[in-house]
C-alpha atoms as a PDB file:
ATOM      1  CA  MET A   1       0.000   0.000   0.000  1.00  0.00           C
ATOM      2  CA  ARG A   2       2.772   2.378   0.921  1.00  0.00           C
ATOM      3  CA  TYR A   3       4.607   1.233  -2.164  1.00  0.00           C
ATOM      4  CA  CYS A   4       1.637   2.127  -4.386  1.00  0.00           C
ATOM      5  CA  PHE A   5       1.275   5.537  -2.712  1.00  0.00           C
ATOM      6  CA  PHE A   6       4.993   6.209  -3.279  1.00  0.00           C
ATOM      7  CA  LEU A   7       4.768   5.283  -6.937  1.00  0.00           C
ATOM      8  CA  SER A   8       1.746   7.560  -7.394  1.00  0.00           C
ATOM      9  CA  CYS A   9       3.558  10.557  -5.864  1.00  0.00           C
ATOM     10  CA  LEU A  10       6.630   9.870  -7.996  1.00  0.00           C
ATOM     11  CA  PHE A  11       4.516   9.695 -11.160  1.00  0.00           C
ATOM     12  CA  ILE A  12       2.770  13.003 -10.358  1.00  0.00           C
ATOM     13  CA  SER A  13       6.127  14.703  -9.667  1.00  0.00           C
ATOM     14  CA  LEU A  14       7.667  13.445 -12.950  1.00  0.00           C
ATOM     15  CA  SER A  15       4.609  14.590 -14.929  1.00  0.00           C
ATOM     16  CA  SER A  16       4.770  18.101 -13.418  1.00  0.00           C
ATOM     17  CA  TRP A  17       8.496  18.355 -14.107  1.00  0.00           C
ATOM     18  CA  ALA A  18       8.080  17.202 -17.730  1.00  0.00           C
ATOM     19  CA  GLN A  19       5.308  19.734 -18.283  1.00  0.00           C
ATOM     20  CA  ARG A  20       7.434  22.612 -16.915  1.00  0.00           C
ATOM     21  CA  LYS A  21      10.378  21.501 -19.079  1.00  0.00           C
ATOM     22  CA  SER A  22       8.270  21.381 -22.193  1.00  0.00           C
ATOM     23  CA  THR A  23       6.872  24.851 -21.505  1.00  0.00           C
ATOM     24  CA  SER A  24      10.345  26.268 -20.899  1.00  0.00           C
ATOM     25  CA  ALA A  25      11.763  24.731 -24.081  1.00  0.00           C
ATOM     26  CA  GLU A  26       8.844  25.981 -26.125  1.00  0.00           C
ATOM     27  CA  SER A  27       9.260  29.518 -24.808  1.00  0.00           C
ATOM     28  CA  THR A  28      12.998  29.353 -25.511  1.00  0.00           C
ATOM     29  CA  LEU A  29      12.713  28.081 -29.098  1.00  0.00           C
ATOM     30  CA  GLN A  30       9.899  30.389 -30.212  1.00  0.00           C
ATOM     31  CA  ILE A  31      11.280  33.655 -31.536  1.00  0.00           C
ATOM     32  CA  PRO A  32       8.652  36.305 -31.897  1.00  0.00           C
ATOM     33  CA  SER A  33       8.340  37.492 -35.503  1.00  0.00           C
ATOM     34  CA  LYS A  34       9.261  41.105 -36.153  1.00  0.00           C
ATOM     35  CA  GLN A  35       6.613  43.097 -37.886  1.00  0.00           C
ATOM     36  CA  THR A  36       8.117  45.908 -39.810  1.00  0.00           C
ATOM     37  CA  PRO A  37       5.765  48.822 -39.807  1.00  0.00           C
ATOM     38  CA  SER A  38       4.769  50.020 -43.256  1.00  0.00           C
ATOM     39  CA  LYS A  39       6.694  53.072 -44.264  1.00  0.00           C
ATOM     40  CA  GLN A  40       4.632  53.835 -47.377  1.00  0.00           C
ATOM     41  CA  THR A  41       2.919  57.121 -46.936  1.00  0.00           C
ATOM     42  CA  LYS A  42       0.888  58.585 -49.698  1.00  0.00           C
ATOM     43  CA  LEU A  43       1.591  62.169 -50.395  1.00  0.00           C
ATOM     44  CA  PRO A  44      -1.421  64.295 -51.022  1.00  0.00           C
ATOM     45  CA  SER A  45      -1.999  64.637 -54.752  1.00  0.00           C
ATOM     46  CA  GLU A  46      -1.193  68.042 -56.146  1.00  0.00           C
ATOM     47  CA  LYS A  47      -4.165  69.768 -57.703  1.00  0.00           C
ATOM     48  CA  LEU A  48      -3.414  71.437 -61.010  1.00  0.00           C
ATOM     49  CA  THR A  49      -4.889  74.930 -61.079  1.00  0.00           C
ATOM     50  CA  SER A  50      -3.670  76.439 -64.356  1.00  0.00           C
ATOM     51  CA  THR A  51      -1.894  75.696 -67.602  1.00  0.00           C
ATOM     52  CA  TRP A  52       0.107  77.972 -69.865  1.00  0.00           C
ATOM     53  CA  ALA A  53       1.043  77.239 -73.473  1.00  0.00           C
ATOM     54  CA  ILE A  54       3.036  78.849 -76.289  1.00  0.00           C
ATOM     55  CA  GLY A  55       1.905  78.297 -79.877  1.00  0.00           C
ATOM     56  CA  ILE A  56       3.392  78.638 -83.373  1.00  0.00           C
ATOM     57  CA  SER A  57       0.867  79.014 -86.198  1.00  0.00           C
ATOM     58  CA  THR A  58       0.669  78.614 -89.932  1.00  0.00           C
ATOM     59  CA  THR A  59      -2.322  80.222 -91.652  1.00  0.00           C
ATOM     60  CA  THR A  60      -3.986  80.470 -95.032  1.00  0.00           C
ATOM     61  CA  ASN A  61      -3.143  84.206 -95.135  1.00  0.00           C
ATOM     62  CA  SER A  62       0.564  83.933 -94.358  1.00  0.00           C
ATOM     63  CA  GLY A  63       3.698  81.956 -95.013  1.00  0.00           C
ATOM     64  CA  ILE A  64       4.846  78.804 -93.235  1.00  0.00           C
ATOM     65  CA  ILE A  65       5.093  80.662 -89.931  1.00  0.00           C
ATOM     66  CA  GLY A  66       2.133  83.003 -89.661  1.00  0.00           C
ATOM     67  CA  GLY A  67       2.167  84.034 -86.030  1.00  0.00           C
ATOM     68  CA  PHE A  68       2.644  83.253 -82.362  1.00  0.00           C
ATOM     69  CA  SER A  69       0.259  82.728 -79.448  1.00  0.00           C
ATOM     70  CA  PHE A  70       0.406  82.699 -75.671  1.00  0.00           C
ATOM     71  CA  ARG A  71      -2.457  81.017 -73.797  1.00  0.00           C
ATOM     72  CA  ARG A  72      -3.301  80.407 -70.141  1.00  0.00           C
ATOM     73  CA  TYR A  73      -6.074  78.117 -68.858  1.00  0.00           C
ATOM     74  CA  TRP A  74      -7.777  78.200 -65.473  1.00  0.00           C
ATOM     75  CA  LEU A  75      -8.585  74.560 -64.671  1.00  0.00           C
ATOM     76  CA  ASN A  76     -11.577  73.284 -62.702  1.00  0.00           C
ATOM     77  CA  GLU A  77     -13.409  70.022 -62.143  1.00  0.00           C
ATOM     78  CA  GLY A  78     -15.978  70.568 -64.893  1.00  0.00           C
ATOM     79  CA  LYS A  79     -15.842  69.704 -68.575  1.00  0.00           C
ATOM     80  CA  SER A  80     -15.161  73.308 -69.616  1.00  0.00           C
ATOM     81  CA  GLN A  81     -12.351  75.715 -68.796  1.00  0.00           C
ATOM     82  CA  SER A  82     -11.810  79.445 -69.246  1.00  0.00           C
ATOM     83  CA  PHE A  83      -8.649  80.825 -70.786  1.00  0.00           C
ATOM     84  CA  ALA A  84      -7.042  84.068 -71.889  1.00  0.00           C
ATOM     85  CA  GLN A  85      -4.874  84.337 -74.979  1.00  0.00           C
ATOM     86  CA  ILE A  86      -2.937  86.848 -77.037  1.00  0.00           C
ATOM     87  CA  ASP A  87      -2.024  86.345 -80.703  1.00  0.00           C
ATOM     88  CA  ALA A  88       0.358  88.174 -83.018  1.00  0.00           C
ATOM     89  CA  ASP A  89      -0.302  87.252 -86.663  1.00  0.00           C
ATOM     90  CA  ILE A  90       0.584  88.502 -90.124  1.00  0.00           C
ATOM     91  CA  ILE A  91      -2.314  88.758 -92.589  1.00  0.00           C
ATOM     92  CA  LYS A  92      -1.713  88.831 -96.340  1.00  0.00           C
ATOM     93  CA  ASP A  93      -4.183  89.569 -99.107  1.00  0.00           C
ATOM     94  CA  TYR A  94      -5.119  86.465-101.081  1.00  0.00           C
ATOM     95  CA  ARG A  95      -4.518  88.427-104.322  1.00  0.00           C
ATOM     96  CA  GLU A  96      -0.815  88.986-103.608  1.00  0.00           C
ATOM     97  CA  PHE A  97       1.750  87.475-105.973  1.00  0.00           C
ATOM     98  CA  THR A  98       5.524  87.567-106.283  1.00  0.00           C
ATOM     99  CA  SER A  99       6.923  89.723-109.074  1.00  0.00           C
ATOM    100  CA  PRO A 100       8.314  87.710-112.005  1.00  0.00           C
ATOM    101  CA  TYR A 101      11.292  90.098-112.102  1.00  0.00           C
ATOM    102  CA  SER A 102      14.138  89.467-109.696  1.00  0.00           C
ATOM    103  CA  TYR A 103      17.621  90.827-109.074  1.00  0.00           C
ATOM    104  CA  ASN A 104      20.333  88.382-107.984  1.00  0.00           C
ATOM    105  CA  GLY A 105      17.644  85.937-106.872  1.00  0.00           C
ATOM    106  CA  ARG A 106      15.819  88.460-104.665  1.00  0.00           C
ATOM    107  CA  SER A 107      12.078  88.932-105.063  1.00  0.00           C
ATOM    108  CA  TYR A 108       9.276  91.223-103.867  1.00  0.00           C
ATOM    109  CA  ILE A 109       5.482  91.409-103.850  1.00  0.00           C
ATOM    110  CA  GLU A 110       4.166  93.179-106.925  1.00  0.00           C
ATOM    111  CA  GLY A 111       2.014  96.219-106.090  1.00  0.00           C
ATOM    112  CA  LYS A 112       2.048  95.713-102.323  1.00  0.00           C
ATOM    113  CA  LEU A 113       1.514  98.979-100.431  1.00  0.00           C
ATOM    114  CA  ASN A 114       1.003  97.936 -96.805  1.00  0.00           C
ATOM    115  CA  GLN A 115       1.553  94.999 -94.493  1.00  0.00           C
ATOM    116  CA  LEU A 116      -1.004  94.053 -91.835  1.00  0.00           C
ATOM    117  CA  ILE A 117      -0.011  92.759 -88.413  1.00  0.00           C
ATOM    118  CA  VAL A 118      -2.849  91.833 -86.047  1.00  0.00           C
ATOM    119  CA  ILE A 119      -2.635  91.695 -82.248  1.00  0.00           C
ATOM    120  CA  ARG A 120      -5.566  89.786 -80.725  1.00  0.00           C
ATOM    121  CA  PRO A 121      -6.130  89.789 -76.947  1.00  0.00           C
ATOM    122  CA  GLU A 122      -9.009  87.391 -76.335  1.00  0.00           C
ATOM    123  CA  TYR A 123     -11.107  85.464 -73.838  1.00  0.00           C
ATOM    124  CA  GLY A 124     -12.190  81.914 -74.605  1.00  0.00           C
ATOM    125  CA  ARG A 125     -13.840  78.727 -73.405  1.00  0.00           C
ATOM    126  CA  ARG A 126     -12.770  75.129 -73.939  1.00  0.00           C
ATOM    127  CA  TRP A 127     -15.145  72.142 -73.821  1.00  0.00           C
ATOM    128  CA  THR A 128     -14.171  68.484 -73.601  1.00  0.00           C
ATOM    129  CA  LEU A 129     -15.716  66.553 -76.502  1.00  0.00           C
ATOM    130  CA  LEU A 130     -13.799  63.276 -76.151  1.00  0.00           C
ATOM    131  CA  GLN A 131     -11.991  62.471 -72.913  1.00  0.00           C
ATOM    132  CA  LYS A 132      -8.735  60.559 -72.569  1.00  0.00           C
ATOM    133  CA  SER A 133      -9.075  56.860 -71.832  1.00  0.00           C
ATOM    134  CA  ALA A 134      -7.853  55.340 -68.558  1.00  0.00           C
ATOM    135  CA  GLU A 135      -4.735  54.076 -70.380  1.00  0.00           C
ATOM    136  CA  GLY A 136      -3.982  57.573 -71.707  1.00  0.00           C
ATOM    137  CA  GLY A 137      -4.074  58.836 -75.268  1.00  0.00           C
ATOM    138  CA  PRO A 138      -5.367  62.012 -76.957  1.00  0.00           C
ATOM    139  CA  ALA A 139      -8.376  64.106 -75.970  1.00  0.00           C
ATOM    140  CA  LEU A 140     -10.526  66.277 -78.237  1.00  0.00           C
ATOM    141  CA  LYS A 141     -11.565  69.777 -77.139  1.00  0.00           C
ATOM    142  CA  GLY A 142     -13.841  72.400 -78.669  1.00  0.00           C
ATOM    143  CA  ILE A 143     -12.636  76.020 -78.613  1.00  0.00           C
ATOM    144  CA  PHE A 144     -14.443  79.349 -78.956  1.00  0.00           C
ATOM    145  CA  THR A 145     -12.798  82.760 -78.404  1.00  0.00           C
ATOM    146  CA  THR A 146     -13.546  86.408 -79.053  1.00  0.00           C
ATOM    147  CA  GLY A 147     -11.952  89.781 -78.391  1.00  0.00           C
ATOM    148  CA  PRO A 148     -10.618  92.965 -79.994  1.00  0.00           C
ATOM    149  CA  SER A 149      -8.372  92.984 -83.061  1.00  0.00           C
ATOM    150  CA  ILE A 150      -5.672  95.656 -83.159  1.00  0.00           C
ATOM    151  CA  GLY A 151      -4.581  96.010 -86.771  1.00  0.00           C
ATOM    152  CA  LEU A 152      -1.155  97.564 -87.376  1.00  0.00           C
ATOM    153  CA  GLN A 153      -0.963  98.908 -90.931  1.00  0.00           C
ATOM    154  CA  LYS A 154       2.734  99.177 -91.829  1.00  0.00           C
ATOM    155  CA  PRO A 155       4.138 100.434 -95.166  1.00  0.00           C
ATOM    156  CA  TYR A 156       5.745  97.724 -97.276  1.00  0.00           C
ATOM    157  CA  TYR A 157       9.409  98.550 -97.933  1.00  0.00           C
ATOM    158  CA  VAL A 158      11.608  97.463-100.835  1.00  0.00           C
ATOM    159  CA  ASP A 159      15.289  97.962-101.620  1.00  0.00           C
ATOM    160  CA  ILE A 160      15.912 100.019-104.773  1.00  0.00           C
ATOM    161  CA  SER A 161      18.985 100.876-106.785  1.00  0.00           C
ATOM    162  CA  TYR A 162      18.867 104.635-107.328  1.00  0.00           C
ATOM    163  CA  THR A 163      21.164 106.883-109.368  1.00  0.00           C
ATOM    164  CA  ASN A 164      21.392 110.467-108.176  1.00  0.00           C
ATOM    165  CA  THR A 165      21.229 112.639-111.300  1.00  0.00           C
ATOM    166  CA  ALA A 166      23.180 115.440-109.613  1.00  0.00           C
ATOM    167  CA  THR A 167      26.145 113.343-108.492  1.00  0.00           C
ATOM    168  CA  THR A 168      25.690 110.356-110.867  1.00  0.00           C
ATOM    169  CA  GLN A 169      26.282 108.202-107.808  1.00  0.00           C
ATOM    170  CA  THR A 170      24.329 104.945-107.494  1.00  0.00           C
ATOM    171  CA  THR A 171      23.086 103.956-104.064  1.00  0.00           C
ATOM    172  CA  THR A 172      20.839 101.309-102.557  1.00  0.00           C
ATOM    173  CA  LEU A 173      17.918 102.621-100.533  1.00  0.00           C
ATOM    174  CA  ALA A 174      15.072 101.059 -98.556  1.00  0.00           C
ATOM    175  CA  VAL A 175      11.881 102.973 -99.448  1.00  0.00           C
ATOM    176  CA  PRO A 176       8.124 102.357 -99.239  1.00  0.00           C
ATOM    177  CA  TYR A 177       6.866 100.580-102.333  1.00  0.00           C
ATOM    178  CA  ALA A 178       4.386 103.464-102.889  1.00  0.00           C
ATOM    179  CA  LYS A 179       7.385 105.771-103.511  1.00  0.00           C
ATOM    180  CA  THR A 180       8.392 103.694-106.545  1.00  0.00           C
ATOM    181  CA  LEU A 181       5.028 104.478-108.145  1.00  0.00           C
ATOM    182  CA  ASP A 182       4.938 108.274-107.806  1.00  0.00           C
ATOM    183  CA  ASN A 183       8.250 109.069-109.519  1.00  0.00           C
ATOM    184  CA  SER A 184       9.940 110.057-106.259  1.00  0.00           C
ATOM    185  CA  TYR A 185      13.004 108.109-107.414  1.00  0.00           C
ATOM    186  CA  PRO A 186      13.248 108.358-111.209  1.00  0.00           C
ATOM    187  CA  LYS A 187      15.263 105.747-113.092  1.00  0.00           C
ATOM    188  CA  ALA A 188      15.377 103.511-110.009  1.00  0.00           C
ATOM    189  CA  PHE A 189      14.659  99.797-110.136  1.00  0.00           C
ATOM    190  CA  ILE A 190      13.552  97.460-107.378  1.00  0.00           C
ATOM    191  CA  ILE A 191      16.104  94.960-106.074  1.00  0.00           C
ATOM    192  CA  GLY A 192      13.882  93.033-103.658  1.00  0.00           C
ATOM    193  CA  ASP A 193      12.196  93.002-100.250  1.00  0.00           C
ATOM    194  CA  ALA A 194      13.672  95.284 -97.601  1.00  0.00           C
ATOM    195  CA  SER A 195      14.008  94.310 -93.951  1.00  0.00           C
ATOM    196  CA  PHE A 196      10.736  93.604 -92.147  1.00  0.00           C
ATOM    197  CA  LEU A 197      11.778  96.075 -89.424  1.00  0.00           C
ATOM    198  CA  ASN A 198      11.572  99.026 -91.832  1.00  0.00           C
ATOM    199  CA  GLY A 199       8.443 101.132 -91.482  1.00  0.00           C
ATOM    200  CA  PHE A 200       7.479 100.483 -87.866  1.00  0.00           C
ATOM    201  CA  SER A 201       7.775 104.199 -87.107  1.00  0.00           C
ATOM    202  CA  GLU A 202       4.978 104.795 -89.653  1.00  0.00           C
ATOM    203  CA  VAL A 203       2.514 102.228 -88.295  1.00  0.00           C
ATOM    204  CA  LYS A 204      -1.160 103.232 -88.241  1.00  0.00           C
ATOM    205  CA  PRO A 205      -3.427 101.335 -85.784  1.00  0.00           C
ATOM    206  CA  VAL A 206      -6.817 100.160 -87.012  1.00  0.00           C
ATOM    207  CA  PRO A 207      -9.195  98.819 -84.315  1.00  0.00           C
ATOM    208  CA  GLY A 208     -11.544  95.908 -84.873  1.00  0.00           C
ATOM    209  CA  TRP A 209     -13.035  92.713 -83.441  1.00  0.00           C
ATOM    210  CA  HIS A 210     -12.659  88.991 -84.054  1.00  0.00           C
ATOM    211  CA  VAL A 211     -14.161  85.578 -83.294  1.00  0.00           C
ATOM    212  CA  LYS A 212     -12.468  82.172 -83.503  1.00  0.00           C
ATOM    213  CA  SER A 213     -13.651  78.588 -83.333  1.00  0.00           C
ATOM    214  CA  ALA A 214     -11.441  75.508 -83.391  1.00  0.00           C
ATOM    215  CA  LEU A 215     -10.893  71.870 -82.522  1.00  0.00           C
ATOM    216  CA  ASN A 216      -7.973  71.155 -80.217  1.00  0.00           C
ATOM    217  CA  LEU A 217      -6.362  67.696 -80.181  1.00  0.00           C
ATOM    218  CA  GLU A 218      -4.558  67.320 -76.849  1.00  0.00           C
ATOM    219  CA  LEU A 219      -1.762  64.781 -77.243  1.00  0.00           C
ATOM    220  CA  GLU A 220      -0.313  62.446 -74.602  1.00  0.00           C
ATOM    221  CA  SER A 221       1.127  64.374 -71.637  1.00  0.00           C
ATOM    222  CA  PHE A 222       4.377  63.546 -69.851  1.00  0.00           C
ATOM    223  CA  LYS A 223       4.853  64.649 -66.257  1.00  0.00           C
ATOM    224  CA  GLN A 224       3.208  68.092 -66.241  1.00  0.00           C
ATOM    225  CA  ASN A 225       4.144  69.011 -69.821  1.00  0.00           C
ATOM    226  CA  HIS A 226       1.643  68.760 -72.626  1.00  0.00           C
ATOM    227  CA  MET A 227       1.362  69.278 -76.388  1.00  0.00           C
ATOM    228  CA  SER A 228      -1.633  69.903 -78.607  1.00  0.00           C
ATOM    229  CA  LEU A 229      -2.617  70.663 -82.198  1.00  0.00           C
ATOM    230  CA  GLU A 230      -5.361  73.171 -82.911  1.00  0.00           C
ATOM    231  CA  LEU A 231      -7.177  73.518 -86.235  1.00  0.00           C
ATOM    232  CA  GLY A 232      -9.514  76.480 -86.490  1.00  0.00           C
ATOM    233  CA  PHE A 233     -11.063  79.430 -88.279  1.00  0.00           C
ATOM    234  CA  CYS A 234     -10.792  83.143 -87.473  1.00  0.00           C
ATOM    235  CA  LEU A 235     -12.827  86.122 -88.684  1.00  0.00           C
ATOM    236  CA  ASP A 236     -11.415  89.653 -88.244  1.00  0.00           C
ATOM    237  CA  TYR A 237     -13.525  92.775 -88.719  1.00  0.00           C
ATOM    238  CA  PHE A 238     -11.845  96.208 -88.889  1.00  0.00           C
ATOM    239  CA  THR A 239     -13.521  99.582 -88.559  1.00  0.00           C
ATOM    240  CA  LYS A 240     -12.142 100.766 -91.910  1.00  0.00           C
ATOM    241  CA  PRO A 241     -10.870  99.038 -95.069  1.00  0.00           C
ATOM    242  CA  ILE A 242      -7.140  98.360 -95.123  1.00  0.00           C
ATOM    243  CA  GLU A 243      -5.451  99.121 -98.443  1.00  0.00           C
ATOM    244  CA  MET A 244      -2.871  96.452 -99.052  1.00  0.00           C
ATOM    245  CA  LEU A 245      -2.424  96.330-102.862  1.00  0.00           C
ATOM    246  CA  ASN A 246      -2.094  99.032-105.504  1.00  0.00           C
ATOM    247  CA  GLN A 247      -5.239  99.639-107.590  1.00  0.00           C
ATOM    248  CA  THR A 248      -7.109  97.071-105.498  1.00  0.00           C
ATOM    249  CA  GLU A 249     -10.008  97.947-103.218  1.00  0.00           C
ATOM    250  CA  GLY A 250      -9.164  97.570 -99.536  1.00  0.00           C
ATOM    251  CA  ARG A 251     -11.074  95.199 -97.301  1.00  0.00           C
ATOM    252  CA  GLY A 252     -12.302  95.487 -93.732  1.00  0.00           C
ATOM    253  CA  VAL A 253     -13.110  91.775 -93.198  1.00  0.00           C
ATOM    254  CA  TYR A 254     -10.522  88.988 -93.321  1.00  0.00           C
ATOM    255  CA  THR A 255     -11.125  85.266 -92.857  1.00  0.00           C
ATOM    256  CA  THR A 256      -8.280  82.955 -91.912  1.00  0.00           C
ATOM    257  CA  GLY A 257      -7.858  79.211 -91.430  1.00  0.00           C
ATOM    258  CA  TYR A 258      -5.036  78.262 -89.109  1.00  0.00           C
ATOM    259  CA  LEU A 259      -3.120  75.353 -87.619  1.00  0.00           C
ATOM    260  CA  THR A 260      -1.297  75.957 -84.310  1.00  0.00           C
ATOM    261  CA  PHE A 261       1.110  73.717 -82.433  1.00  0.00           C
ATOM    262  CA  PHE A 262       0.983  74.368 -78.664  1.00  0.00           C
ATOM    263  CA  PHE A 263       3.529  73.329 -76.070  1.00  0.00           C
ATOM    264  CA  GLY A 264       2.896  74.110 -72.404  1.00  0.00           C
ATOM    265  CA  LYS A 265       3.097  73.177 -68.760  1.00  0.00           C
ATOM    266  CA  SER A 266       0.572  72.681 -65.947  1.00  0.00           C
ATOM    267  CA  HIS A 267       1.127  73.716 -62.339  1.00  0.00           C
END
C-alpha cells in the first residue's frame, strides 16, 4: 500500500516536471516574428490649377510661320475651362503674288503697299468633346474665343537701286513701295524686299473685333508638360478698309484658317 502511494507521488512529480520543461523549451525556441511597420505614406496629390502654353501658327493668309500665341487656362473640375490668350499674326491679301522680275535671286510682292499685323487679346472657353481613356491617349476639345483685333498697318518697304542725277552716284535705298510708283526716285529699279523692321515708325493702328472657333487635339502628356494641335477658323472685322495692294479695293473683313502647335506646362 505504501509502495503504491509512493509510486503515485513519484509519477505526479515526474509529470509536473516534464510539463514545466516542455513549456520552458517551447518559450525558448519560439522567436517572436518582427513586424516591420509600413513606411509607405501617400503624399497628397497636387491639384493642377492652371496651364500655360506657347503656340506657333501657320495660316492660309501667311507663309509657313504666320504668327505666335500665348495662352493660359484656369482649370476646374468641370468639362469646360476658361482661358485668356494673345495672338500676333501677319495677314496677307489672297490676291498677292511675287513679281516675275528678280535681281540676284531676290524677289518682292508686286504692287504691295502695306503689311497688316494683327494683335488679338481674347477670352475663350474650352469644352471636352472626347476624354482621354484610362490608359492615356489624346483628348478632343472644342474652342471658342472672341476679343478685340488691333490692326497695325505698316508700309511695305523694298530695296531700290537709285542713281542720283546730280552726283551720278548709285546707291541702294530702302523705301516704301508706294514711292516707286509716284516718280519720287526716277530711273530707279527694285532689287527686292527690304528688312521687315523698316516702317514700324509709320505704323497706323486700325481697331476691330474677331471671333475664332477651333478643334484642339490634346496629345499624350508627360509629367506636367503637354502638347496639342489646334485647327480652327478666325474672322477679323476692322472699322475701316485696309489698303494692301495698288489699284485694289481695300477690305475690312478677313477670314483665316489656321493650324497651331501648342507646347505648355501645368502647375
